[in-house]
Amino acid sequence: MWRAAPVRSAAETRHRQEVAREGAVGLLEQVGHQLAGETARARFVRIITALGNGKTLTVRGRAELWMPCGT
């Protein structure tokens, strides 16, 4: 049986986004490569934050994860 997702307040949504972003930044600090540039780090945080917020990995996101660190 299908059930609708619960409705969240704007404050709850922002909090969940902040928690997901903090988790992504923490993960990056643990596994970040010393040669990874700022663009690659920002890309990583953006994608992991979206995944932490329950979004699916898009084709673009998948491609970005496989881009070389210097791009």
PDB file of N, CA and C in Angstrom:
ATOM      1  N   MET A   1       0.836  -1.179   0.000  1.00  0.00           N
ATOM      2  CA  MET A   1       0.000   0.000   0.000  1.00  0.00           C
ATOM      3  C   MET A   1       0.885   1.247   0.000  1.00  0.00           C
ATOM      4  N   TRP A   2       0.609   2.161  -0.866  1.00  0.00           N
ATOM      5  CA  TRP A   2       1.386   3.395  -0.988  1.00  0.00           C
ATOM      6  C   TRP A   2       0.948   4.412   0.044  1.00  0.00           C
ATOM      7  N   ARG A   3       1.903   5.059   0.657  1.00  0.00           N
ATOM      8  CA  ARG A   3       1.608   6.120   1.628  1.00  0.00           C
ATOM      9  C   ARG A   3       2.350   7.378   1.221  1.00  0.00           C
ATOM     10  N   ALA A   4       1.707   8.487   1.407  1.00  0.00           N
ATOM     11  CA  ALA A   4       2.336   9.760   1.077  1.00  0.00           C
ATOM     12  C   ALA A   4       3.446  10.064   2.071  1.00  0.00           C
ATOM     13  N   ALA A   5       4.480  10.735   1.593  1.00  0.00           N
ATOM     14  CA  ALA A   5       5.573  11.140   2.479  1.00  0.00           C
ATOM     15  C   ALA A   5       5.054  12.186   3.456  1.00  0.00           C
ATOM     16  N   PRO A   6       5.573  12.179   4.679  1.00  0.00           N
ATOM     17  CA  PRO A   6       5.116  13.178   5.650  1.00  0.00           C
ATOM     18  C   PRO A   6       5.489  14.585   5.206  1.00  0.00           C
ATOM     19  N   VAL A   7       4.639  15.523   5.522  1.00  0.00           N
ATOM     20  CA  VAL A   7       4.898  16.916   5.173  1.00  0.00           C
ATOM     21  C   VAL A   7       5.824  17.499   6.236  1.00  0.00           C
ATOM     22  N   ARG A   8       6.901  18.119   5.783  1.00  0.00           N
ATOM     23  CA  ARG A   8       7.873  18.698   6.711  1.00  0.00           C
ATOM     24  C   ARG A   8       7.786  20.210   6.664  1.00  0.00           C
ATOM     25  N   SER A   9       8.052  20.814   7.792  1.00  0.00           N
ATOM     26  CA  SER A   9       8.091  22.270   7.845  1.00  0.00           C
ATOM     27  C   SER A   9       9.376  22.747   7.184  1.00  0.00           C
ATOM     28  N   ALA A  10       9.412  24.021   6.828  1.00  0.00           N
ATOM     29  CA  ALA A  10      10.607  24.597   6.217  1.00  0.00           C
ATOM     30  C   ALA A  10      11.792  24.510   7.172  1.00  0.00           C
ATOM     31  N   ALA A  11      11.554  24.720   8.459  1.00  0.00           N
ATOM     32  CA  ALA A  11      12.628  24.652   9.446  1.00  0.00           C
ATOM     33  C   ALA A  11      13.188  23.235   9.554  1.00  0.00           C
ATOM     34  N   GLU A  12      12.297  22.244   9.530  1.00  0.00           N
ATOM     35  CA  GLU A  12      12.745  20.858   9.607  1.00  0.00           C
ATOM     36  C   GLU A  12      13.539  20.487   8.352  1.00  0.00           C
ATOM     37  N   THR A  13      13.074  20.937   7.211  1.00  0.00           N
ATOM     38  CA  THR A  13      13.776  20.670   5.959  1.00  0.00           C
ATOM     39  C   THR A  13      15.161  21.290   5.980  1.00  0.00           C
ATOM     40  N   ARG A  14      15.270  22.542   6.429  1.00  0.00           N
ATOM     41  CA  ARG A  14      16.580  23.210   6.520  1.00  0.00           C
ATOM     42  C   ARG A  14      17.501  22.462   7.473  1.00  0.00           C
ATOM     43  N   HIS A  15      16.949  22.028   8.602  1.00  0.00           N
ATOM     44  CA  HIS A  15      17.754  21.295   9.578  1.00  0.00           C
ATOM     45  C   HIS A  15      18.283  19.998   8.969  1.00  0.00           C
ATOM     46  N   ARG A  16      17.430  19.274   8.279  1.00  0.00           N
ATOM     47  CA  ARG A  16      17.848  18.028   7.645  1.00  0.00           C
ATOM     48  C   ARG A  16      18.927  18.290   6.602  1.00  0.00           C
ATOM     49  N   GLN A  17      18.802  19.379   5.845  1.00  0.00           N
ATOM     50  CA  GLN A  17      19.809  19.728   4.852  1.00  0.00           C
ATOM     51  C   GLN A  17      21.139  20.067   5.519  1.00  0.00           C
ATOM     52  N   GLU A  18      21.090  20.795   6.627  1.00  0.00           N
ATOM     53  CA  GLU A  18      22.310  21.148   7.350  1.00  0.00           C
ATOM     54  C   GLU A  18      23.003  19.904   7.898  1.00  0.00           C
ATOM     55  N   VAL A  19      22.208  18.981   8.458  1.00  0.00           N
ATOM     56  CA  VAL A  19      22.774  17.742   9.004  1.00  0.00           C
ATOM     57  C   VAL A  19      23.408  16.926   7.876  1.00  0.00           C
ATOM     58  N   ALA A  20      22.741  16.839   6.742  1.00  0.00           N
ATOM     59  CA  ALA A  20      23.288  16.092   5.606  1.00  0.00           C
ATOM     60  C   ALA A  20      24.578  16.734   5.105  1.00  0.00           C
ATOM     61  N   ARG A  21      24.601  18.068   5.049  1.00  0.00           N
ATOM     62  CA  ARG A  21      25.804  18.762   4.588  1.00  0.00           C
ATOM     63  C   ARG A  21      26.953  18.562   5.564  1.00  0.00           C
ATOM     64  N   GLU A  22      26.678  18.650   6.848  1.00  0.00           N
ATOM     65  CA  GLU A  22      27.725  18.436   7.853  1.00  0.00           C
ATOM     66  C   GLU A  22      28.286  17.013   7.739  1.00  0.00           C
ATOM     67  N   GLY A  23      27.412  16.065   7.489  1.00  0.00           N
ATOM     68  CA  GLY A  23      27.866  14.683   7.302  1.00  0.00           C
ATOM     69  C   GLY A  23      28.740  14.545   6.076  1.00  0.00           C
ATOM     70  N   ALA A  24      28.366  15.212   4.989  1.00  0.00           N
ATOM     71  CA  ALA A  24      29.162  15.161   3.760  1.00  0.00           C
ATOM     72  C   ALA A  24      30.530  15.792   3.971  1.00  0.00           C
ATOM     73  N   VAL A  25      30.568  16.926   4.657  1.00  0.00           N
ATOM     74  CA  VAL A  25      31.843  17.602   4.927  1.00  0.00           C
ATOM     75  C   VAL A  25      32.723  16.708   5.812  1.00  0.00           C
ATOM     76  N   GLY A  26      32.124  16.092   6.815  1.00  0.00           N
ATOM     77  CA  GLY A  26      32.871  15.189   7.685  1.00  0.00           C
ATOM     78  C   GLY A  26      33.436  14.003   6.928  1.00  0.00           C
ATOM     79  N   LEU A  27      32.634  13.435   6.031  1.00  0.00           N
ATOM     80  CA  LEU A  27      33.088  12.318   5.225  1.00  0.00           C
ATOM     81  C   LEU A  27      34.233  12.753   4.320  1.00  0.00           C
ATOM     82  N   LEU A  28      34.107  13.916   3.727  1.00  0.00           N
ATOM     83  CA  LEU A  28      35.160  14.434   2.857  1.00  0.00           C
ATOM     84  C   LEU A  28      36.461  14.621   3.636  1.00  0.00           C
ATOM     85  N   GLU A  29      36.372  15.104   4.856  1.00  0.00           N
ATOM     86  CA  GLU A  29      37.571  15.289   5.677  1.00  0.00           C
ATOM     87  C   GLU A  29      38.246  13.953   5.964  1.00  0.00           C
ATOM     88  N   GLN A  30      37.462  12.895   6.087  1.00  0.00           N
ATOM     89  CA  GLN A  30      38.022  11.582   6.393  1.00  0.00           C
ATOM     90  C   GLN A  30      38.636  10.920   5.172  1.00  0.00           C
ATOM     91  N   VAL A  31      38.016  11.113   4.002  1.00  0.00           N
ATOM     92  CA  VAL A  31      38.476  10.400   2.807  1.00  0.00           C
ATOM     93  C   VAL A  31      39.025  11.326   1.737  1.00  0.00           C
ATOM     94  N   GLY A  32      39.021  12.629   1.991  1.00  0.00           N
ATOM     95  CA  GLY A  32      39.467  13.592   0.992  1.00  0.00           C
ATOM     96  C   GLY A  32      40.902  13.356   0.561  1.00  0.00           C
ATOM     97  N   HIS A  33      41.131  13.416  -0.705  1.00  0.00           N
ATOM     98  CA  HIS A  33      42.465  13.231  -1.265  1.00  0.00           C
ATOM     99  C   HIS A  33      43.182  14.564  -1.295  1.00  0.00           C
ATOM    100  N   GLN A  34      44.458  14.555  -0.960  1.00  0.00           N
ATOM    101  CA  GLN A  34      45.207  15.802  -0.892  1.00  0.00           C
ATOM    102  C   GLN A  34      45.298  16.509  -2.236  1.00  0.00           C
ATOM    103  N   LEU A  35      45.139  15.789  -3.340  1.00  0.00           N
ATOM    104  CA  LEU A  35      45.210  16.407  -4.660  1.00  0.00           C
ATOM    105  C   LEU A  35      43.856  16.899  -5.165  1.00  0.00           C
ATOM    106  N   ALA A  36      42.787  16.614  -4.427  1.00  0.00           N
ATOM    107  CA  ALA A  36      41.455  17.044  -4.856  1.00  0.00           C
ATOM    108  C   ALA A  36      41.360  18.566  -4.760  1.00  0.00           C
ATOM    109  N   GLY A  37      40.914  19.181  -5.837  1.00  0.00           N
ATOM    110  CA  GLY A  37      40.769  20.630  -5.857  1.00  0.00           C
ATOM    111  C   GLY A  37      39.475  21.072  -5.193  1.00  0.00           C
ATOM    112  N   GLU A  38      39.323  22.366  -5.047  1.00  0.00           N
ATOM    113  CA  GLU A  38      38.118  22.921  -4.423  1.00  0.00           C
ATOM    114  C   GLU A  38      36.859  22.560  -5.206  1.00  0.00           C
ATOM    115  N   THR A  39      36.952  22.540  -6.533  1.00  0.00           N
ATOM    116  CA  THR A  39      35.787  22.193  -7.348  1.00  0.00           C
ATOM    117  C   THR A  39      35.345  20.766  -7.067  1.00  0.00           C
ATOM    118  N   ALA A  40      36.303  19.853  -7.017  1.00  0.00           N
ATOM    119  CA  ALA A  40      35.983  18.447  -6.753  1.00  0.00           C
ATOM    120  C   ALA A  40      35.400  18.285  -5.357  1.00  0.00           C
ATOM    121  N   ARG A  41      35.952  19.003  -4.387  1.00  0.00           N
ATOM    122  CA  ARG A  41      35.443  18.914  -3.017  1.00  0.00           C
ATOM    123  C   ARG A  41      34.015  19.464  -2.931  1.00  0.00           C
ATOM    124  N   ALA A  42      33.770  20.592  -3.574  1.00  0.00           N
ATOM    125  CA  ALA A  42      32.421  21.183  -3.569  1.00  0.00           C
ATOM    126  C   ALA A  42      31.426  20.252  -4.246  1.00  0.00           C
ATOM    127  N   ARG A  43      31.840  19.640  -5.344  1.00  0.00           N
ATOM    128  CA  ARG A  43      30.992  18.692  -6.074  1.00  0.00           C
ATOM    129  C   ARG A  43      30.638  17.516  -5.163  1.00  0.00           C
ATOM    130  N   PHE A  44      31.632  16.967  -4.479  1.00  0.00           N
ATOM    131  CA  PHE A  44      31.434  15.835  -3.581  1.00  0.00           C
ATOM    132  C   PHE A  44      30.442  16.186  -2.478  1.00  0.00           C
ATOM    133  N   VAL A  45      30.645  17.334  -1.838  1.00  0.00           N
ATOM    134  CA  VAL A  45      29.758  17.753  -0.747  1.00  0.00           C
ATOM    135  C   VAL A  45      28.339  17.937  -1.258  1.00  0.00           C
ATOM    136  N   ARG A  46      28.177  18.563  -2.434  1.00  0.00           N
ATOM    137  CA  ARG A  46      26.841  18.785  -2.997  1.00  0.00           C
ATOM    138  C   ARG A  46      26.117  17.462  -3.258  1.00  0.00           C
ATOM    139  N   ILE A  47      26.820  16.509  -3.840  1.00  0.00           N
ATOM    140  CA  ILE A  47      26.198  15.224  -4.180  1.00  0.00           C
ATOM    141  C   ILE A  47      25.857  14.426  -2.921  1.00  0.00           C
ATOM    142  N   ILE A  48      26.784  14.353  -1.974  1.00  0.00           N
ATOM    143  CA  ILE A  48      26.534  13.584  -0.748  1.00  0.00           C
ATOM    144  C   ILE A  48      25.424  14.247   0.077  1.00  0.00           C
ATOM    145  N   THR A  49      25.383  15.581   0.082  1.00  0.00           N
ATOM    146  CA  THR A  49      24.308  16.282   0.790  1.00  0.00           C
ATOM    147  C   THR A  49      22.948  15.928   0.182  1.00  0.00           C
ATOM    148  N   ALA A  50      22.868  15.939  -1.141  1.00  0.00           N
ATOM    149  CA  ALA A  50      21.608  15.590  -1.805  1.00  0.00           C
ATOM    150  C   ALA A  50      21.197  14.164  -1.471  1.00  0.00           C
ATOM    151  N   LEU A  51      22.153  13.242  -1.506  1.00  0.00           N
ATOM    152  CA  LEU A  51      21.839  11.854  -1.167  1.00  0.00           C
ATOM    153  C   LEU A  51      21.387  11.730   0.279  1.00  0.00           C
ATOM    154  N   GLY A  52      22.014  12.483   1.162  1.00  0.00           N
ATOM    155  CA  GLY A  52      21.632  12.463   2.572  1.00  0.00           C
ATOM    156  C   GLY A  52      20.246  13.014   2.813  1.00  0.00           C
ATOM    157  N   ASN A  53      19.773  13.831   1.892  1.00  0.00           N
ATOM    158  CA  ASN A  53      18.432  14.390   1.988  1.00  0.00           C
ATOM    159  C   ASN A  53      17.399  13.532   1.269  1.00  0.00           C
ATOM    160  N   GLY A  54      17.810  12.324   0.870  1.00  0.00           N
ATOM    161  CA  GLY A  54      16.870  11.383   0.280  1.00  0.00           C
ATOM    162  C   GLY A  54      16.676  11.502  -1.216  1.00  0.00           C
ATOM    163  N   LYS A  55      17.469  12.332  -1.864  1.00  0.00           N
ATOM    164  CA  LYS A  55      17.354  12.450  -3.323  1.00  0.00           C
ATOM    165  C   LYS A  55      18.125  11.312  -3.973  1.00  0.00           C
ATOM    166  N   THR A  56      17.763  10.996  -5.201  1.00  0.00           N
ATOM    167  CA  THR A  56      18.457   9.935  -5.924  1.00  0.00           C
ATOM    168  C   THR A  56      19.632  10.519  -6.682  1.00  0.00           C
ATOM    169  N   LEU A  57      20.594   9.672  -6.954  1.00  0.00           N
ATOM    170  CA  LEU A  57      21.769  10.095  -7.710  1.00  0.00           C
ATOM    171  C   LEU A  57      21.378  10.203  -9.178  1.00  0.00           C
ATOM    172  N   THR A  58      21.531  11.380  -9.728  1.00  0.00           N
ATOM    173  CA  THR A  58      21.163  11.620 -11.117  1.00  0.00           C
ATOM    174  C   THR A  58      22.284  11.157 -12.047  1.00  0.00           C
ATOM    175  N   VAL A  59      21.994  11.117 -13.324  1.00  0.00           N
ATOM    176  CA  VAL A  59      23.008  10.782 -14.319  1.00  0.00           C
ATOM    177  C   VAL A  59      24.152  11.791 -14.229  1.00  0.00           C
ATOM    178  N   ARG A  60      23.809  13.078 -14.099  1.00  0.00           N
ATOM    179  CA  ARG A  60      24.829  14.116 -13.977  1.00  0.00           C
ATOM    180  C   ARG A  60      25.664  13.912 -12.708  1.00  0.00           C
ATOM    181  N   GLY A  61      25.003  13.623 -11.604  1.00  0.00           N
ATOM    182  CA  GLY A  61      25.711  13.388 -10.355  1.00  0.00           C
ATOM    183  C   GLY A  61      26.659  12.211 -10.450  1.00  0.00           C
ATOM    184  N   ARG A  62      26.192  11.139 -11.093  1.00  0.00           N
ATOM    185  CA  ARG A  62      27.042   9.973 -11.292  1.00  0.00           C
ATOM    186  C   ARG A  62      28.273  10.327 -12.115  1.00  0.00           C
ATOM    187  N   ALA A  63      28.051  11.089 -13.174  1.00  0.00           N
ATOM    188  CA  ALA A  63      29.163  11.504 -14.031  1.00  0.00           C
ATOM    189  C   ALA A  63      30.138  12.400 -13.263  1.00  0.00           C
ATOM    190  N   GLU A  64      29.609  13.302 -12.436  1.00  0.00           N
ATOM    191  CA  GLU A  64      30.473  14.195 -11.667  1.00  0.00           C
ATOM    192  C   GLU A  64      31.339  13.436 -10.678  1.00  0.00           C
ATOM    193  N   LEU A  65      30.810  12.370 -10.104  1.00  0.00           N
ATOM    194  CA  LEU A  65      31.589  11.582  -9.159  1.00  0.00           C
ATOM    195  C   LEU A  65      32.789  10.913  -9.826  1.00  0.00           C
ATOM    196  N   TRP A  66      32.682  10.662 -11.108  1.00  0.00           N
ATOM    197  CA  TRP A  66      33.763   9.979 -11.823  1.00  0.00           C
ATOM    198  C   TRP A  66      34.690  10.929 -12.550  1.00  0.00           C
ATOM    199  N   MET A  67      34.466  12.234 -12.447  1.00  0.00           N
ATOM    200  CA  MET A  67      35.362  13.187 -13.087  1.00  0.00           C
ATOM    201  C   MET A  67      36.694  13.190 -12.355  1.00  0.00           C
ATOM    202  N   PRO A  68      37.787  13.399 -13.082  1.00  0.00           N
ATOM    203  CA  PRO A  68      39.097  13.483 -12.418  1.00  0.00           C
ATOM    204  C   PRO A  68      39.103  14.619 -11.394  1.00  0.00           C
ATOM    205  N   CYS A  69      39.919  14.473 -10.362  1.00  0.00           N
ATOM    206  CA  CYS A  69      39.989  15.458  -9.268  1.00  0.00           C
ATOM    207  C   CYS A  69      40.331  16.850  -9.753  1.00  0.00           C
ATOM    208  N   GLY A  70      41.088  16.994 -10.785  1.00  0.00           N
ATOM    209  CA  GLY A  70      41.531  18.312 -11.213  1.00  0.00           C
ATOM    210  C   GLY A  70      40.521  19.088 -12.034  1.00  0.00           C
ATOM    211  N   THR A  71      39.355  18.502 -12.342  1.00  0.00           N
ATOM    212  CA  THR A  71      38.392  19.219 -13.198  1.00  0.00           C
ATOM    213  C   THR A  71      37.289  19.839 -12.402  1.00  0.00           C
TER     214      THR A  71
END
